[in-house]
Amino acid sequence: MLTLLIFDLVASKGRVLQTEKAWLPVFALSCLVACLFRSNGILVVILLAVVLAAMALRCRSAYKKPAAIGAATAIAAMLLTGPVFNALGVTPAAKAEGIGIPLNQMGRVAATGGIISDGDERYLNELLPLELYETVYTPTCVDSVKWNPEFNEEALSDDFWRHWLSMGIKNPVTYLESWELQTVGYWSINQPQALSHNRNIAAGVPRNSQDPVSLEAWEIYPQNKLGNDAVHSLLCTDQGFVPIGWLSWFALFAAIALFNCKKSAWFVSLVPTTAIIAALLVASPIWYWERYAVALQFLLPFYVVMLYCTGSVRRRPVPIEQRARLSKIFASPKTRTV
């Protein structure tokens, strides 16, 4: 929804604000939903607000209000999920949730016997006993490290990034390997497990469709109001998807096509897509899961239609004078001989 609204804004060069009075409130609501429904939604809205502000400063004042709304919504969401939630006693998300890739990079160095200084070794041991890394570390998922009973999450606040950088300088190849193994599903186009993966919902935690006992442990008691036939035929929990890697490359192709067709302003509508992919490439906790990029699945028709609109906009009728000159050229005997 947010992407479609932005496309209406840039394709109309801001005129949609005058013709559609509901655009601004719907845009504000979409920004708020994006911020609150996914942890990377705030990143999407912040990046979008920055790009819109840059465009407002450069060329069009029509982008000022959307930029201000995006920035205000992101700030409001951060205040709500930060100080307000703390005051209400809401348990914050674990610190390890946003640093999955860096944490697994350090874990790979420890598990494979990389070069580690004494200070970094003490820090790793503070996070998790050193003897556990070889058995706990999983190349494609950080959950086995951060969810281990021996993992000390409080140590993440003690110069984590300094130790991460120190180990990365000494083990750059190991860091690159760790990044590849933990993000491969989002940029590779030929991984068999990604191409055939169909457990987007069934693989969730808790196992909300196949394990009622675990649901009861969470005090969740679902009731099927539609009947088993509807659940298994109309609302399939195990269903094939267009692989995320394909969609990532297709989105990149769409961005290149926009610049090539001199429609670079339309790229703003791809900012949410870009932010989602970027978040996965720097913070994904697992090598592949469709739900992390399900917005790209829903946006596939938009990518196709946008590319079609780009091509149709580029076509221009040939002026009458130019057509007359071309007719004379192709009508001459010399041209017919050639």
C-alpha atoms as a PDB file:
ATOM      1  CA  MET A   1       0.000   0.000   0.000  1.00  0.00           C
ATOM      2  CA  LEU A   2       2.804   2.383   0.892  1.00  0.00           C
ATOM      3  CA  THR A   3       4.586   1.645  -2.390  1.00  0.00           C
ATOM      4  CA  LEU A   4       1.457   2.283  -4.460  1.00  0.00           C
ATOM      5  CA  LEU A   5       0.822   5.584  -2.702  1.00  0.00           C
ATOM      6  CA  ILE A   6       4.382   6.735  -3.349  1.00  0.00           C
ATOM      7  CA  PHE A   7       4.122   5.769  -7.004  1.00  0.00           C
ATOM      8  CA  ASP A   8       0.941   7.850  -7.340  1.00  0.00           C
ATOM      9  CA  LEU A   9       2.839  10.782  -5.805  1.00  0.00           C
ATOM     10  CA  VAL A  10       5.914  10.652  -8.050  1.00  0.00           C
ATOM     11  CA  ALA A  11       4.110   9.609 -11.249  1.00  0.00           C
ATOM     12  CA  SER A  12       1.719  12.559 -10.907  1.00  0.00           C
ATOM     13  CA  LYS A  13       4.594  14.884  -9.896  1.00  0.00           C
ATOM     14  CA  GLY A  14       2.775  15.736  -6.686  1.00  0.00           C
ATOM     15  CA  ARG A  15      -0.570  16.586  -8.283  1.00  0.00           C
ATOM     16  CA  VAL A  16      -2.269  13.693  -6.489  1.00  0.00           C
ATOM     17  CA  LEU A  17      -2.197  15.812  -3.317  1.00  0.00           C
ATOM     18  CA  GLN A  18      -4.634  18.240  -4.948  1.00  0.00           C
ATOM     19  CA  THR A  19      -6.852  15.681  -6.683  1.00  0.00           C
ATOM     20  CA  GLU A  20      -7.056  13.096  -3.859  1.00  0.00           C
ATOM     21  CA  LYS A  21      -7.768  14.653  -0.458  1.00  0.00           C
ATOM     22  CA  ALA A  22      -7.529  11.255   1.248  1.00  0.00           C
ATOM     23  CA  TRP A  23      -3.953  10.657   0.041  1.00  0.00           C
ATOM     24  CA  LEU A  24      -2.167  12.275   3.015  1.00  0.00           C
ATOM     25  CA  PRO A  25      -4.179  10.565   5.796  1.00  0.00           C
ATOM     26  CA  VAL A  26      -3.956   7.190   4.043  1.00  0.00           C
ATOM     27  CA  PHE A  27      -0.213   7.699   3.585  1.00  0.00           C
ATOM     28  CA  ALA A  28       0.179   8.536   7.288  1.00  0.00           C
ATOM     29  CA  LEU A  29      -1.786   5.417   8.265  1.00  0.00           C
ATOM     30  CA  SER A  30       0.299   3.248   5.921  1.00  0.00           C
ATOM     31  CA  CYS A  31       3.522   4.613   7.412  1.00  0.00           C
ATOM     32  CA  LEU A  32       2.267   3.863  10.920  1.00  0.00           C
ATOM     33  CA  VAL A  33       1.255   0.313  10.000  1.00  0.00           C
ATOM     34  CA  ALA A  34       4.642  -0.276   8.366  1.00  0.00           C
ATOM     35  CA  CYS A  35       6.427   0.943  11.508  1.00  0.00           C
ATOM     36  CA  LEU A  36       4.419  -1.154  13.945  1.00  0.00           C
ATOM     37  CA  PHE A  37       3.924  -4.427  12.057  1.00  0.00           C
ATOM     38  CA  ARG A  38       7.607  -5.201  11.406  1.00  0.00           C
ATOM     39  CA  SER A  39      10.761  -4.130  13.205  1.00  0.00           C
ATOM     40  CA  ASN A  40      12.340  -3.073   9.895  1.00  0.00           C
ATOM     41  CA  GLY A  41       9.275  -0.961   9.076  1.00  0.00           C
ATOM     42  CA  ILE A  42      10.768   2.017  10.915  1.00  0.00           C
ATOM     43  CA  LEU A  43      13.858   1.711   8.688  1.00  0.00           C
ATOM     44  CA  VAL A  44      11.617   1.726   5.616  1.00  0.00           C
ATOM     45  CA  VAL A  45       9.748   4.865   6.686  1.00  0.00           C
ATOM     46  CA  ILE A  46      12.906   6.728   7.785  1.00  0.00           C
ATOM     47  CA  LEU A  47      14.647   6.029   4.482  1.00  0.00           C
ATOM     48  CA  LEU A  48      11.515   7.052   2.602  1.00  0.00           C
ATOM     49  CA  ALA A  49      11.265  10.319   4.551  1.00  0.00           C
ATOM     50  CA  VAL A  50      14.918  11.127   3.833  1.00  0.00           C
ATOM     51  CA  VAL A  51      14.499  10.515   0.096  1.00  0.00           C
ATOM     52  CA  LEU A  52      11.303  12.579  -0.069  1.00  0.00           C
ATOM     53  CA  ALA A  53      12.976  15.415   1.856  1.00  0.00           C
ATOM     54  CA  ALA A  54      15.904  15.369  -0.574  1.00  0.00           C
ATOM     55  CA  MET A  55      13.511  15.574  -3.514  1.00  0.00           C
ATOM     56  CA  ALA A  56      11.587  18.424  -1.860  1.00  0.00           C
ATOM     57  CA  LEU A  57      14.811  20.396  -1.415  1.00  0.00           C
ATOM     58  CA  ARG A  58      15.956  19.689  -4.946  1.00  0.00           C
ATOM     59  CA  CYS A  59      12.950  20.168  -7.140  1.00  0.00           C
ATOM     60  CA  ARG A  60       9.400  20.002  -5.815  1.00  0.00           C
ATOM     61  CA  SER A  61       7.800  21.472  -2.728  1.00  0.00           C
ATOM     62  CA  ALA A  62       4.929  18.973  -3.113  1.00  0.00           C
ATOM     63  CA  TYR A  63       7.083  16.362  -1.406  1.00  0.00           C
ATOM     64  CA  LYS A  64       7.471  18.415   1.799  1.00  0.00           C
ATOM     65  CA  LYS A  65       4.266  17.232   3.471  1.00  0.00           C
ATOM     66  CA  PRO A  66       4.825  13.514   2.723  1.00  0.00           C
ATOM     67  CA  ALA A  67       8.421  13.821   3.977  1.00  0.00           C
ATOM     68  CA  ALA A  68       7.265  15.520   7.174  1.00  0.00           C
ATOM     69  CA  ILE A  69       4.544  12.918   7.732  1.00  0.00           C
ATOM     70  CA  GLY A  70       7.009  10.052   7.227  1.00  0.00           C
ATOM     71  CA  ALA A  71       9.520  11.555   9.661  1.00  0.00           C
ATOM     72  CA  ALA A  72       6.838  12.337  12.261  1.00  0.00           C
ATOM     73  CA  THR A  73       5.393   8.825  12.003  1.00  0.00           C
ATOM     74  CA  ALA A  74       8.811   7.193  12.447  1.00  0.00           C
ATOM     75  CA  ILE A  75       9.555   9.359  15.490  1.00  0.00           C
ATOM     76  CA  ALA A  76       6.129   8.613  16.979  1.00  0.00           C
ATOM     77  CA  ALA A  77       6.634   4.869  16.436  1.00  0.00           C
ATOM     78  CA  MET A  78      10.055   4.969  18.117  1.00  0.00           C
ATOM     79  CA  LEU A  79       8.611   6.854  21.085  1.00  0.00           C
ATOM     80  CA  LEU A  80       5.718   4.414  21.335  1.00  0.00           C
ATOM     81  CA  THR A  81       7.861   1.271  21.133  1.00  0.00           C
ATOM     82  CA  GLY A  82      10.530   2.813  23.375  1.00  0.00           C
ATOM     83  CA  PRO A  83       9.655   5.055  26.344  1.00  0.00           C
ATOM     84  CA  VAL A  84       5.895   4.443  26.216  1.00  0.00           C
ATOM     85  CA  PHE A  85       6.211   0.651  26.073  1.00  0.00           C
ATOM     86  CA  ASN A  86       8.817   0.746  28.867  1.00  0.00           C
ATOM     87  CA  ALA A  87       6.480   2.818  31.036  1.00  0.00           C
ATOM     88  CA  LEU A  88       3.704   0.304  30.416  1.00  0.00           C
ATOM     89  CA  GLY A  89       5.965  -2.614  31.338  1.00  0.00           C
ATOM     90  CA  VAL A  90       6.112  -4.102  27.834  1.00  0.00           C
ATOM     91  CA  THR A  91       9.103  -6.401  27.455  1.00  0.00           C
ATOM     92  CA  PRO A  92      11.418  -5.007  24.743  1.00  0.00           C
ATOM     93  CA  ALA A  93      12.731  -7.153  21.906  1.00  0.00           C
ATOM     94  CA  ALA A  94      15.981  -8.965  22.592  1.00  0.00           C
ATOM     95  CA  LYS A  95      19.112  -7.014  21.651  1.00  0.00           C
ATOM     96  CA  ALA A  96      20.395  -9.986  19.658  1.00  0.00           C
ATOM     97  CA  GLU A  97      17.439  -9.791  17.268  1.00  0.00           C
ATOM     98  CA  GLY A  98      18.902  -6.848  15.337  1.00  0.00           C
ATOM     99  CA  ILE A  99      22.504  -8.067  15.106  1.00  0.00           C
ATOM    100  CA  GLY A 100      22.051 -11.634  13.895  1.00  0.00           C
ATOM    101  CA  ILE A 101      24.629 -11.500  11.089  1.00  0.00           C
ATOM    102  CA  PRO A 102      27.424  -9.777  13.093  1.00  0.00           C
ATOM    103  CA  LEU A 103      26.841 -12.176  15.987  1.00  0.00           C
ATOM    104  CA  ASN A 104      27.061 -15.216  13.727  1.00  0.00           C
ATOM    105  CA  GLN A 105      30.191 -13.834  12.062  1.00  0.00           C
ATOM    106  CA  MET A 106      31.915 -13.743  15.444  1.00  0.00           C
ATOM    107  CA  GLY A 107      30.554 -17.204  16.223  1.00  0.00           C
ATOM    108  CA  ARG A 108      32.008 -18.601  13.000  1.00  0.00           C
ATOM    109  CA  VAL A 109      35.444 -17.222  13.819  1.00  0.00           C
ATOM    110  CA  ALA A 110      35.309 -18.905  17.236  1.00  0.00           C
ATOM    111  CA  ALA A 111      33.912 -22.180  15.855  1.00  0.00           C
ATOM    112  CA  THR A 112      36.465 -22.502  13.031  1.00  0.00           C
ATOM    113  CA  GLY A 113      39.551 -21.542  15.014  1.00  0.00           C
ATOM    114  CA  GLY A 114      40.078 -18.092  13.534  1.00  0.00           C
ATOM    115  CA  ILE A 115      42.553 -15.444  14.662  1.00  0.00           C
ATOM    116  CA  ILE A 116      41.324 -13.999  17.961  1.00  0.00           C
ATOM    117  CA  SER A 117      43.128 -11.609  20.308  1.00  0.00           C
ATOM    118  CA  ASP A 118      43.135 -12.214  24.048  1.00  0.00           C
ATOM    119  CA  GLY A 119      40.675  -9.376  24.638  1.00  0.00           C
ATOM    120  CA  ASP A 120      38.289 -10.635  21.949  1.00  0.00           C
ATOM    121  CA  GLU A 121      38.571 -14.158  23.310  1.00  0.00           C
ATOM    122  CA  ARG A 122      37.568 -13.019  26.778  1.00  0.00           C
ATOM    123  CA  TYR A 123      34.617 -11.156  25.290  1.00  0.00           C
ATOM    124  CA  LEU A 124      33.481 -14.200  23.288  1.00  0.00           C
ATOM    125  CA  ASN A 125      33.694 -16.287  26.436  1.00  0.00           C
ATOM    126  CA  GLU A 126      31.562 -13.674  28.182  1.00  0.00           C
ATOM    127  CA  LEU A 127      28.902 -14.001  25.500  1.00  0.00           C
ATOM    128  CA  LEU A 128      28.995 -17.784  25.417  1.00  0.00           C
ATOM    129  CA  PRO A 129      31.479 -20.286  26.884  1.00  0.00           C
ATOM    130  CA  LEU A 130      34.220 -20.771  24.287  1.00  0.00           C
ATOM    131  CA  GLU A 131      33.953 -24.548  24.285  1.00  0.00           C
ATOM    132  CA  LEU A 132      30.316 -24.315  23.111  1.00  0.00           C
ATOM    133  CA  TYR A 133      30.860 -22.401  19.859  1.00  0.00           C
ATOM    134  CA  GLU A 134      31.926 -25.449  17.851  1.00  0.00           C
ATOM    135  CA  THR A 135      28.721 -27.311  18.665  1.00  0.00           C
ATOM    136  CA  VAL A 136      26.282 -24.397  18.967  1.00  0.00           C
ATOM    137  CA  TYR A 137      27.241 -22.365  15.887  1.00  0.00           C
ATOM    138  CA  THR A 138      25.010 -22.958  12.830  1.00  0.00           C
ATOM    139  CA  PRO A 139      26.207 -21.393   9.538  1.00  0.00           C
ATOM    140  CA  THR A 140      22.763 -20.497   8.174  1.00  0.00           C
ATOM    141  CA  CYS A 141      20.932 -19.420  11.335  1.00  0.00           C
ATOM    142  CA  VAL A 142      21.914 -17.455  14.434  1.00  0.00           C
ATOM    143  CA  ASP A 143      19.079 -18.764  16.614  1.00  0.00           C
ATOM    144  CA  SER A 144      21.156 -21.617  18.044  1.00  0.00           C
ATOM    145  CA  VAL A 145      23.608 -19.038  19.437  1.00  0.00           C
ATOM    146  CA  LYS A 146      21.293 -16.313  20.708  1.00  0.00           C
ATOM    147  CA  TRP A 147      18.724 -18.770  22.106  1.00  0.00           C
ATOM    148  CA  ASN A 148      21.273 -20.978  23.854  1.00  0.00           C
ATOM    149  CA  PRO A 149      20.636 -21.150  27.639  1.00  0.00           C
ATOM    150  CA  GLU A 150      24.271 -20.165  28.260  1.00  0.00           C
ATOM    151  CA  PHE A 151      24.118 -17.062  26.042  1.00  0.00           C
ATOM    152  CA  ASN A 152      24.659 -13.818  27.985  1.00  0.00           C
ATOM    153  CA  GLU A 153      22.650 -11.122  26.239  1.00  0.00           C
ATOM    154  CA  GLU A 154      23.738  -8.435  28.684  1.00  0.00           C
ATOM    155  CA  ALA A 155      27.275  -8.652  27.310  1.00  0.00           C
ATOM    156  CA  LEU A 156      26.020  -7.232  23.998  1.00  0.00           C
ATOM    157  CA  SER A 157      25.988  -3.804  25.648  1.00  0.00           C
ATOM    158  CA  ASP A 158      29.690  -4.068  26.513  1.00  0.00           C
ATOM    159  CA  ASP A 159      31.628  -2.842  23.431  1.00  0.00           C
ATOM    160  CA  PHE A 160      30.085  -5.414  21.085  1.00  0.00           C
ATOM    161  CA  TRP A 161      30.840  -3.438  17.919  1.00  0.00           C
ATOM    162  CA  ARG A 162      34.445  -2.782  18.899  1.00  0.00           C
ATOM    163  CA  HIS A 163      35.111  -6.494  19.336  1.00  0.00           C
ATOM    164  CA  TRP A 164      33.173  -7.294  16.148  1.00  0.00           C
ATOM    165  CA  LEU A 165      35.344  -4.879  14.148  1.00  0.00           C
ATOM    166  CA  SER A 166      38.540  -6.143  15.756  1.00  0.00           C
ATOM    167  CA  MET A 167      37.752  -9.748  14.818  1.00  0.00           C
ATOM    168  CA  GLY A 168      36.607  -8.755  11.336  1.00  0.00           C
ATOM    169  CA  ILE A 169      39.908  -7.054  10.525  1.00  0.00           C
ATOM    170  CA  LYS A 170      41.751 -10.255  11.444  1.00  0.00           C
ATOM    171  CA  ASN A 171      39.270 -12.638   9.743  1.00  0.00           C
ATOM    172  CA  PRO A 172      37.745 -10.899   6.691  1.00  0.00           C
ATOM    173  CA  VAL A 173      37.274 -14.081   4.637  1.00  0.00           C
ATOM    174  CA  THR A 174      35.521 -15.855   7.516  1.00  0.00           C
ATOM    175  CA  TYR A 175      33.220 -12.872   7.959  1.00  0.00           C
ATOM    176  CA  LEU A 176      32.363 -12.896   4.236  1.00  0.00           C
ATOM    177  CA  GLU A 177      31.654 -16.634   4.320  1.00  0.00           C
ATOM    178  CA  SER A 178      29.382 -16.174   7.330  1.00  0.00           C
ATOM    179  CA  TRP A 179      27.473 -13.369   5.596  1.00  0.00           C
ATOM    180  CA  GLU A 180      27.035 -15.448   2.434  1.00  0.00           C
ATOM    181  CA  LEU A 181      25.746 -18.492   4.306  1.00  0.00           C
ATOM    182  CA  GLN A 182      23.237 -16.452   6.309  1.00  0.00           C
ATOM    183  CA  THR A 183      21.802 -14.398   3.425  1.00  0.00           C
ATOM    184  CA  VAL A 184      22.151 -16.705   0.417  1.00  0.00           C
ATOM    185  CA  GLY A 185      18.410 -17.274   0.048  1.00  0.00           C
ATOM    186  CA  TYR A 186      17.704 -13.590  -0.538  1.00  0.00           C
ATOM    187  CA  TRP A 187      20.082 -13.063  -3.471  1.00  0.00           C
ATOM    188  CA  SER A 188      20.769 -16.509  -4.949  1.00  0.00           C
ATOM    189  CA  ILE A 189      18.636 -17.676  -7.886  1.00  0.00           C
ATOM    190  CA  ASN A 190      19.464 -21.390  -7.918  1.00  0.00           C
ATOM    191  CA  GLN A 191      19.298 -22.687  -4.349  1.00  0.00           C
ATOM    192  CA  PRO A 192      17.134 -25.843  -4.494  1.00  0.00           C
ATOM    193  CA  GLN A 193      15.884 -25.478  -0.915  1.00  0.00           C
ATOM    194  CA  ALA A 194      14.734 -21.907  -1.568  1.00  0.00           C
ATOM    195  CA  LEU A 195      13.140 -22.802  -4.910  1.00  0.00           C
ATOM    196  CA  SER A 196      11.074 -25.597  -3.353  1.00  0.00           C
ATOM    197  CA  HIS A 197      10.424 -24.080   0.090  1.00  0.00           C
ATOM    198  CA  ASN A 198       6.712 -23.991   0.933  1.00  0.00           C
ATOM    199  CA  ARG A 199       6.534 -23.759   4.734  1.00  0.00           C
ATOM    200  CA  ASN A 200       6.219 -20.019   5.136  1.00  0.00           C
ATOM    201  CA  ILE A 201       3.396 -20.375   7.696  1.00  0.00           C
ATOM    202  CA  ALA A 202       3.843 -23.931   8.962  1.00  0.00           C
ATOM    203  CA  ALA A 203       7.447 -23.204  10.000  1.00  0.00           C
ATOM    204  CA  GLY A 204       6.402 -20.378  12.317  1.00  0.00           C
ATOM    205  CA  VAL A 205       7.018 -20.212  16.044  1.00  0.00           C
ATOM    206  CA  PRO A 206       4.846 -21.378  17.702  1.00  0.00           C
ATOM    207  CA  ARG A 207       3.804 -24.085  15.219  1.00  0.00           C
ATOM    208  CA  ASN A 208       0.404 -22.511  14.872  1.00  0.00           C
ATOM    209  CA  SER A 209      -1.087 -24.977  12.407  1.00  0.00           C
ATOM    210  CA  GLN A 210       0.293 -28.385  13.312  1.00  0.00           C
ATOM    211  CA  ASP A 211       1.081 -28.391  17.022  1.00  0.00           C
ATOM    212  CA  PRO A 212      -1.882 -27.406  19.217  1.00  0.00           C
ATOM    213  CA  VAL A 213       0.017 -28.415  22.354  1.00  0.00           C
ATOM    214  CA  SER A 214       2.627 -25.670  21.843  1.00  0.00           C
ATOM    215  CA  LEU A 215      -0.180 -23.175  21.199  1.00  0.00           C
ATOM    216  CA  GLU A 216      -1.775 -24.024  24.534  1.00  0.00           C
ATOM    217  CA  ALA A 217       1.603 -23.387  26.191  1.00  0.00           C
ATOM    218  CA  TRP A 218       1.344 -19.830  24.833  1.00  0.00           C
ATOM    219  CA  GLU A 219      -2.287 -19.655  26.033  1.00  0.00           C
ATOM    220  CA  ILE A 220      -3.535 -19.506  22.444  1.00  0.00           C
ATOM    221  CA  TYR A 221      -6.729 -21.448  21.739  1.00  0.00           C
ATOM    222  CA  PRO A 222      -7.648 -21.213  18.029  1.00  0.00           C
ATOM    223  CA  GLN A 223     -11.058 -22.137  16.651  1.00  0.00           C
ATOM    224  CA  ASN A 224     -11.612 -23.133  13.046  1.00  0.00           C
ATOM    225  CA  LYS A 225     -14.757 -21.298  11.952  1.00  0.00           C
ATOM    226  CA  LEU A 226     -14.490 -22.250   8.277  1.00  0.00           C
ATOM    227  CA  GLY A 227     -14.072 -26.031   8.439  1.00  0.00           C
ATOM    228  CA  ASN A 228     -11.113 -28.221   7.527  1.00  0.00           C
ATOM    229  CA  ASP A 229     -11.875 -28.183   3.798  1.00  0.00           C
ATOM    230  CA  ALA A 230     -11.553 -24.406   3.636  1.00  0.00           C
ATOM    231  CA  VAL A 231      -8.357 -24.399   5.660  1.00  0.00           C
ATOM    232  CA  HIS A 232      -6.624 -27.000   3.520  1.00  0.00           C
ATOM    233  CA  SER A 233      -7.902 -25.900   0.095  1.00  0.00           C
ATOM    234  CA  LEU A 234      -8.555 -22.149   0.238  1.00  0.00           C
ATOM    235  CA  LEU A 235      -6.137 -21.060   2.986  1.00  0.00           C
ATOM    236  CA  CYS A 236      -3.180 -23.389   2.472  1.00  0.00           C
ATOM    237  CA  THR A 237      -0.492 -23.198   5.141  1.00  0.00           C
ATOM    238  CA  ASP A 238       2.034 -24.928   2.883  1.00  0.00           C
ATOM    239  CA  GLN A 239       2.157 -23.192  -0.467  1.00  0.00           C
ATOM    240  CA  GLY A 240       4.803 -22.433  -3.081  1.00  0.00           C
ATOM    241  CA  PHE A 241       6.127 -18.886  -3.518  1.00  0.00           C
ATOM    242  CA  VAL A 242       8.134 -16.956  -6.070  1.00  0.00           C
ATOM    243  CA  PRO A 243      11.687 -17.214  -4.649  1.00  0.00           C
ATOM    244  CA  ILE A 244      12.846 -14.050  -2.894  1.00  0.00           C
ATOM    245  CA  GLY A 245      16.186 -14.123  -4.741  1.00  0.00           C
ATOM    246  CA  TRP A 246      14.371 -13.824  -8.068  1.00  0.00           C
ATOM    247  CA  LEU A 247      12.336 -10.893  -6.797  1.00  0.00           C
ATOM    248  CA  SER A 248      15.436  -9.105  -5.459  1.00  0.00           C
ATOM    249  CA  TRP A 249      17.124  -9.235  -8.859  1.00  0.00           C
ATOM    250  CA  PHE A 250      13.902  -8.294 -10.651  1.00  0.00           C
ATOM    251  CA  ALA A 251      13.566  -5.232  -8.408  1.00  0.00           C
ATOM    252  CA  LEU A 252      17.154  -4.275  -9.269  1.00  0.00           C
ATOM    253  CA  PHE A 253      16.334  -4.663 -12.972  1.00  0.00           C
ATOM    254  CA  ALA A 254      13.305  -2.418 -12.497  1.00  0.00           C
ATOM    255  CA  ALA A 255      15.458   0.245 -10.826  1.00  0.00           C
ATOM    256  CA  ILE A 256      18.010   0.145 -13.674  1.00  0.00           C
ATOM    257  CA  ALA A 257      15.188   0.384 -16.223  1.00  0.00           C
ATOM    258  CA  LEU A 258      13.812   3.493 -14.504  1.00  0.00           C
ATOM    259  CA  PHE A 259      17.142   5.295 -14.700  1.00  0.00           C
ATOM    260  CA  ASN A 260      17.654   4.155 -18.293  1.00  0.00           C
ATOM    261  CA  CYS A 261      14.219   5.475 -19.271  1.00  0.00           C
ATOM    262  CA  LYS A 262      14.919   8.807 -17.550  1.00  0.00           C
ATOM    263  CA  LYS A 263      12.276   8.104 -14.912  1.00  0.00           C
ATOM    264  CA  SER A 264      14.621   8.166 -11.943  1.00  0.00           C
ATOM    265  CA  ALA A 265      12.013  10.005  -9.832  1.00  0.00           C
ATOM    266  CA  TRP A 266       9.872   6.890 -10.007  1.00  0.00           C
ATOM    267  CA  PHE A 267      12.610   5.047  -8.109  1.00  0.00           C
ATOM    268  CA  VAL A 268      11.208   6.571  -4.912  1.00  0.00           C
ATOM    269  CA  SER A 269       8.399   4.023  -5.145  1.00  0.00           C
ATOM    270  CA  LEU A 270      11.064   1.308  -4.876  1.00  0.00           C
ATOM    271  CA  VAL A 271      12.497   2.713  -1.632  1.00  0.00           C
ATOM    272  CA  PRO A 272      10.389   0.362   0.565  1.00  0.00           C
ATOM    273  CA  THR A 273      11.573  -2.586  -1.538  1.00  0.00           C
ATOM    274  CA  THR A 274      15.185  -1.424  -1.290  1.00  0.00           C
ATOM    275  CA  ALA A 275      14.950  -0.980   2.489  1.00  0.00           C
ATOM    276  CA  ILE A 276      13.477  -4.466   2.987  1.00  0.00           C
ATOM    277  CA  ILE A 277      16.227  -6.115   0.941  1.00  0.00           C
ATOM    278  CA  ALA A 278      18.922  -4.046   2.670  1.00  0.00           C
ATOM    279  CA  ALA A 279      17.593  -5.004   6.112  1.00  0.00           C
ATOM    280  CA  LEU A 280      17.736  -8.689   5.194  1.00  0.00           C
ATOM    281  CA  LEU A 281      21.285  -8.398   3.886  1.00  0.00           C
ATOM    282  CA  VAL A 282      22.569  -6.839   7.123  1.00  0.00           C
ATOM    283  CA  ALA A 283      20.365  -8.311   9.860  1.00  0.00           C
ATOM    284  CA  SER A 284      18.617 -11.495   8.746  1.00  0.00           C
ATOM    285  CA  PRO A 285      18.632 -14.159  11.497  1.00  0.00           C
ATOM    286  CA  ILE A 286      18.233 -17.017   9.003  1.00  0.00           C
ATOM    287  CA  TRP A 287      19.303 -17.725   5.443  1.00  0.00           C
ATOM    288  CA  TYR A 288      15.759 -17.840   4.008  1.00  0.00           C
ATOM    289  CA  TRP A 289      12.190 -17.272   5.059  1.00  0.00           C
ATOM    290  CA  GLU A 290       9.539 -15.865   2.750  1.00  0.00           C
ATOM    291  CA  ARG A 291       7.692 -13.942   5.438  1.00  0.00           C
ATOM    292  CA  TYR A 292      10.638 -11.573   5.881  1.00  0.00           C
ATOM    293  CA  ALA A 293      10.135 -10.331   2.313  1.00  0.00           C
ATOM    294  CA  VAL A 294       6.498 -11.167   1.675  1.00  0.00           C
ATOM    295  CA  ALA A 295       5.911  -7.549   0.588  1.00  0.00           C
ATOM    296  CA  LEU A 296       8.037  -8.294  -2.495  1.00  0.00           C
ATOM    297  CA  GLN A 297       5.685 -11.168  -3.321  1.00  0.00           C
ATOM    298  CA  PHE A 298       2.670  -8.855  -3.186  1.00  0.00           C
ATOM    299  CA  LEU A 299       4.501  -6.169  -5.194  1.00  0.00           C
ATOM    300  CA  LEU A 300       5.391  -8.384  -8.167  1.00  0.00           C
ATOM    301  CA  PRO A 301       2.358  -7.196 -10.229  1.00  0.00           C
ATOM    302  CA  PHE A 302       3.329  -3.603  -9.416  1.00  0.00           C
ATOM    303  CA  TYR A 303       6.891  -4.114 -10.703  1.00  0.00           C
ATOM    304  CA  VAL A 304       5.546  -5.486 -13.977  1.00  0.00           C
ATOM    305  CA  VAL A 305       2.955  -2.723 -14.462  1.00  0.00           C
ATOM    306  CA  MET A 306       5.477  -0.016 -13.542  1.00  0.00           C
ATOM    307  CA  LEU A 307       7.905  -1.297 -16.172  1.00  0.00           C
ATOM    308  CA  TYR A 308       5.095  -1.341 -18.734  1.00  0.00           C
ATOM    309  CA  CYS A 309       4.153   2.246 -17.843  1.00  0.00           C
ATOM    310  CA  THR A 310       7.792   3.267 -18.178  1.00  0.00           C
ATOM    311  CA  GLY A 311       7.954   1.924 -21.712  1.00  0.00           C
ATOM    312  CA  SER A 312       4.626   3.431 -22.758  1.00  0.00           C
ATOM    313  CA  VAL A 313       5.564   6.842 -21.359  1.00  0.00           C
ATOM    314  CA  ARG A 314       8.819   6.853 -23.321  1.00  0.00           C
ATOM    315  CA  ARG A 315       7.097   6.473 -26.684  1.00  0.00           C
ATOM    316  CA  ARG A 316       6.507   9.785 -28.432  1.00  0.00           C
ATOM    317  CA  PRO A 317       4.713  10.418 -31.741  1.00  0.00           C
ATOM    318  CA  VAL A 318       7.034  11.316 -34.604  1.00  0.00           C
ATOM    319  CA  PRO A 319       6.503  14.962 -35.687  1.00  0.00           C
ATOM    320  CA  ILE A 320       4.880  15.501 -39.094  1.00  0.00           C
ATOM    321  CA  GLU A 321       7.985  17.212 -40.514  1.00  0.00           C
ATOM    322  CA  GLN A 322      10.227  14.325 -39.469  1.00  0.00           C
ATOM    323  CA  ARG A 323       7.804  11.778 -40.927  1.00  0.00           C
ATOM    324  CA  ALA A 324       7.835  13.663 -44.237  1.00  0.00           C
ATOM    325  CA  ARG A 325      11.636  13.610 -44.364  1.00  0.00           C
ATOM    326  CA  LEU A 326      11.715   9.899 -43.551  1.00  0.00           C
ATOM    327  CA  SER A 327       9.151   9.195 -46.277  1.00  0.00           C
ATOM    328  CA  LYS A 328      11.297  10.975 -48.867  1.00  0.00           C
ATOM    329  CA  ILE A 329      14.417   9.115 -47.779  1.00  0.00           C
ATOM    330  CA  PHE A 330      12.856   5.657 -47.919  1.00  0.00           C
ATOM    331  CA  ALA A 331      11.031   6.464 -51.156  1.00  0.00           C
ATOM    332  CA  SER A 332      14.195   7.389 -53.084  1.00  0.00           C
ATOM    333  CA  PRO A 333      15.530   4.836 -55.647  1.00  0.00           C
ATOM    334  CA  LYS A 334      18.953   4.830 -53.977  1.00  0.00           C
ATOM    335  CA  THR A 335      17.476   3.781 -50.644  1.00  0.00           C
ATOM    336  CA  ARG A 336      15.362   1.064 -52.271  1.00  0.00           C
ATOM    337  CA  THR A 337      18.498  -0.313 -53.985  1.00  0.00           C
ATOM    338  CA  VAL A 338      20.399  -0.446 -50.713  1.00  0.00           C
END
